[in-house]
Amino acid sequence: MRNLTRQAIAESLRRLLRERPLSRISVRDITEGCHVNRQTFYYHFRDVYDLMFWTTEQDMITYLEENRVDKTNLREYTYALFSLFYDNRQMIRNAYDPVNRIQYETLFTEYVYPRVKDYILSHRGDRALANEDVDFIASFYTQALSGFLIKWIERGMPDENRVQLDKFCTLVDGGLNHILDKFGTT
């Protein structure tokens, strides 16, 4: 029952974000849209931003599972996340503002970092890498990808960004072995 209530509240937010910016959406708007009271909302979420990030995370999880995205293939995984955001660009643009930029970066970083780290570990071959070096390299690539996503959102999520995403993935694929050679020992 608890998850159904959360989902109903999240769906109410999604409907509202298709119409107007997050800054013009109140808890009252959300609760009226799903026929729950304010107390129920606050039982599940701290505020509208907490709801927005929970909803975004759930959407990412669902999308990746439904599309059977290979989480070990960084290129496929990255394209899938960008496709999800692009398919929901009206909601994303309405949800994003300079106030919550850091929250977007944090959410994206927390969600992508483990995939990037797994990708690095799967490509290290017989190189010995210190754990802190793996963490550093994974953080570097994750921050670059997060920054790329944020800039794309700030520019209005243009479709032609796919070319730059191709270039980004080429940098990751082409440069990773060189970086692993520099940090690792065989």
Protein backbone atom coordinates (compact mmCIF):
# COMPACT_ATOMS: atom_id res chain seq x y z
CA MET A 1 0.00 0.00 0.00
CA ARG A 2 2.81 2.39 0.90
CA ASN A 3 4.45 2.03 -2.52
CA LEU A 4 1.12 2.55 -4.30
CA THR A 5 0.63 5.81 -2.43
CA ARG A 6 4.15 6.95 -3.33
CA GLN A 7 3.52 6.06 -6.96
CA ALA A 8 0.22 7.99 -7.00
CA ILE A 9 1.92 11.05 -5.53
CA ALA A 10 4.75 10.73 -8.06
CA GLU A 11 2.31 10.43 -10.96
CA SER A 12 0.54 13.58 -9.79
CA LEU A 13 3.88 15.41 -9.88
CA ARG A 14 4.64 14.06 -13.37
CA ARG A 15 1.31 15.39 -14.68
CA LEU A 16 1.95 18.80 -13.16
CA LEU A 17 5.52 18.97 -14.51
CA ARG A 18 4.19 18.47 -18.03
CA GLU A 19 2.27 21.72 -17.57
CA ARG A 20 4.42 24.07 -15.48
CA PRO A 21 7.75 24.61 -13.71
CA LEU A 22 8.48 23.02 -10.36
CA SER A 23 8.71 26.45 -8.75
CA ARG A 24 4.98 26.86 -9.44
CA ILE A 25 3.95 23.48 -8.01
CA SER A 26 2.89 23.23 -4.40
CA VAL A 27 2.27 20.28 -2.11
CA ARG A 28 -1.39 21.20 -2.30
CA ASP A 29 -1.35 20.93 -6.12
CA ILE A 30 0.23 17.49 -5.87
CA THR A 31 -2.09 16.16 -3.18
CA GLU A 32 -5.20 17.42 -4.96
CA GLY A 33 -4.01 15.65 -8.11
CA CYS A 34 -3.85 12.27 -6.41
CA HIS A 35 -6.55 12.72 -3.73
CA VAL A 36 -4.37 12.35 -0.65
CA ASN A 37 -3.96 14.79 2.20
CA ARG A 38 -0.91 16.85 3.11
CA GLN A 39 -0.12 14.63 6.06
CA THR A 40 0.09 11.61 3.75
CA PHE A 41 2.42 13.52 1.45
CA TYR A 42 4.72 14.45 4.33
CA TYR A 43 4.64 10.89 5.64
CA HIS A 44 6.32 9.81 2.38
CA PHE A 45 8.37 12.87 1.35
CA ARG A 46 10.13 15.79 3.07
CA ASP A 47 9.16 18.29 0.37
CA VAL A 48 8.47 18.67 -3.35
CA TYR A 49 12.18 18.37 -4.18
CA ASP A 50 12.46 15.10 -2.26
CA LEU A 51 9.49 13.80 -4.26
CA MET A 52 10.99 15.00 -7.53
CA PHE A 53 14.28 13.20 -6.96
CA TRP A 54 12.60 10.02 -5.75
CA THR A 55 10.43 10.10 -8.87
CA THR A 56 13.42 10.69 -11.15
CA GLU A 57 15.34 7.83 -9.55
CA GLN A 58 12.36 5.48 -9.87
CA ASP A 59 11.93 6.50 -13.51
CA MET A 60 15.60 5.73 -14.20
CA ILE A 61 15.40 2.32 -12.52
CA THR A 62 12.18 1.39 -14.33
CA TYR A 63 13.40 2.60 -17.73
CA LEU A 64 16.67 0.69 -17.50
CA GLU A 65 14.91 -2.50 -16.40
CA GLU A 66 12.11 -2.29 -18.99
CA ASN A 67 14.61 -1.69 -21.80
CA ARG A 68 16.95 -4.40 -20.50
CA VAL A 69 19.89 -2.04 -20.60
CA ASP A 70 23.23 -3.73 -20.06
CA LYS A 71 24.60 -1.82 -17.08
CA THR A 72 28.09 -3.11 -17.80
CA ASN A 73 28.11 -1.47 -21.24
CA LEU A 74 28.82 2.16 -20.37
CA ARG A 75 27.95 3.46 -23.83
CA GLU A 76 24.58 1.67 -23.87
CA TYR A 77 23.87 2.72 -20.30
CA THR A 78 24.73 6.36 -21.01
CA TYR A 79 22.59 6.47 -24.16
CA ALA A 80 19.69 4.90 -22.27
CA LEU A 81 19.80 7.55 -19.53
CA PHE A 82 20.00 10.37 -22.05
CA SER A 83 17.12 8.83 -24.02
CA LEU A 84 15.00 8.66 -20.87
CA PHE A 85 15.71 12.30 -20.12
CA TYR A 86 15.12 13.31 -23.74
CA ASP A 87 11.81 11.41 -23.92
CA ASN A 88 10.70 13.30 -20.80
CA ARG A 89 12.35 16.61 -21.67
CA GLN A 90 9.33 18.77 -20.90
CA MET A 91 9.16 17.39 -17.37
CA ILE A 92 12.94 17.58 -16.92
CA ARG A 93 13.11 21.18 -18.13
CA ASN A 94 10.22 22.14 -15.86
CA ALA A 95 11.81 20.35 -12.91
CA TYR A 96 15.29 21.78 -13.36
CA ASP A 97 16.33 25.15 -12.00
CA PRO A 98 19.56 26.63 -10.67
CA VAL A 99 18.39 25.99 -7.10
CA ASN A 100 18.28 22.23 -7.55
CA ARG A 101 21.24 21.85 -9.90
CA ILE A 102 23.37 20.36 -7.13
CA GLN A 103 20.63 17.89 -6.30
CA TYR A 104 20.49 16.79 -9.95
CA GLU A 105 24.25 16.39 -10.02
CA THR A 106 24.16 14.42 -6.77
CA LEU A 107 21.38 12.12 -7.94
CA PHE A 108 23.03 11.49 -11.27
CA THR A 109 26.45 11.00 -9.70
CA GLU A 110 25.18 8.57 -7.07
CA TYR A 111 23.33 6.56 -9.68
CA VAL A 112 26.03 6.50 -12.38
CA TYR A 113 29.17 6.14 -10.25
CA PRO A 114 28.74 2.40 -9.48
CA ARG A 115 28.22 1.65 -13.21
CA VAL A 116 31.32 3.62 -14.19
CA LYS A 117 33.36 1.90 -11.50
CA ASP A 118 32.18 -1.53 -12.66
CA TYR A 119 33.06 -0.56 -16.23
CA ILE A 120 36.58 0.43 -15.20
CA LEU A 121 37.07 -2.77 -13.22
CA SER A 122 35.86 -4.87 -16.14
CA HIS A 123 38.42 -3.19 -18.43
CA ARG A 124 41.47 -3.26 -16.19
CA GLY A 125 42.63 -6.59 -17.56
CA ASP A 126 45.67 -7.86 -15.71
CA ARG A 127 46.64 -4.41 -14.47
CA ALA A 128 46.95 -4.01 -10.71
CA LEU A 129 45.11 -0.87 -9.63
CA ALA A 130 44.91 0.60 -6.16
CA ASN A 131 41.33 0.98 -4.89
CA GLU A 132 41.81 4.71 -4.44
CA ASP A 133 42.95 5.00 -8.06
CA VAL A 134 39.88 3.12 -9.29
CA ASP A 135 37.71 5.45 -7.18
CA PHE A 136 39.52 8.50 -8.55
CA ILE A 137 39.15 7.44 -12.19
CA ALA A 138 35.49 6.48 -11.66
CA SER A 139 34.80 9.83 -9.97
CA PHE A 140 36.50 11.69 -12.81
CA TYR A 141 34.41 10.03 -15.51
CA THR A 142 31.23 10.26 -13.46
CA GLN A 143 31.70 13.99 -12.84
CA ALA A 144 32.41 14.56 -16.52
CA LEU A 145 29.26 12.70 -17.51
CA SER A 146 27.21 14.51 -14.88
CA GLY A 147 28.49 17.89 -16.06
CA PHE A 148 27.72 16.92 -19.65
CA LEU A 149 24.13 16.06 -18.68
CA ILE A 150 23.62 19.27 -16.70
CA LYS A 151 24.93 21.47 -19.51
CA TRP A 152 22.65 19.65 -21.94
CA ILE A 153 19.62 20.33 -19.71
CA GLU A 154 20.64 23.98 -19.31
CA ARG A 155 20.86 24.36 -23.12
CA GLY A 156 17.28 23.08 -23.46
CA MET A 157 18.14 19.45 -24.25
CA PRO A 158 18.74 19.86 -28.00
CA ASP A 159 18.50 16.72 -30.11
CA GLU A 160 21.81 17.41 -31.83
CA ASN A 161 23.53 16.69 -28.53
CA ARG A 162 23.68 13.05 -29.66
CA VAL A 163 26.76 13.88 -31.76
CA GLN A 164 28.52 15.28 -28.70
CA LEU A 165 27.41 12.27 -26.66
CA ASP A 166 29.06 10.06 -29.31
CA LYS A 167 32.25 12.08 -28.91
CA PHE A 168 32.07 11.81 -25.12
CA CYS A 169 31.69 8.02 -25.30
CA THR A 170 34.57 7.84 -27.77
CA LEU A 171 36.77 9.74 -25.31
CA VAL A 172 35.81 7.34 -22.53
CA ASP A 173 36.31 4.22 -24.65
CA GLY A 174 39.49 5.42 -26.32
CA GLY A 175 41.11 7.00 -23.32
CA LEU A 176 40.35 4.44 -20.64
CA ASN A 177 43.04 1.95 -21.60
CA HIS A 178 45.63 4.72 -21.68
CA ILE A 179 44.55 5.95 -18.25
CA LEU A 180 44.53 2.43 -16.83
CA ASP A 181 48.05 1.92 -18.22
CA LYS A 182 49.20 5.09 -16.44
CA PHE A 183 47.64 4.18 -13.09
CA GLY A 184 48.10 0.42 -13.14
CA THR A 185 50.96 -2.00 -13.01
CA THR A 186 51.18 -5.32 -14.78
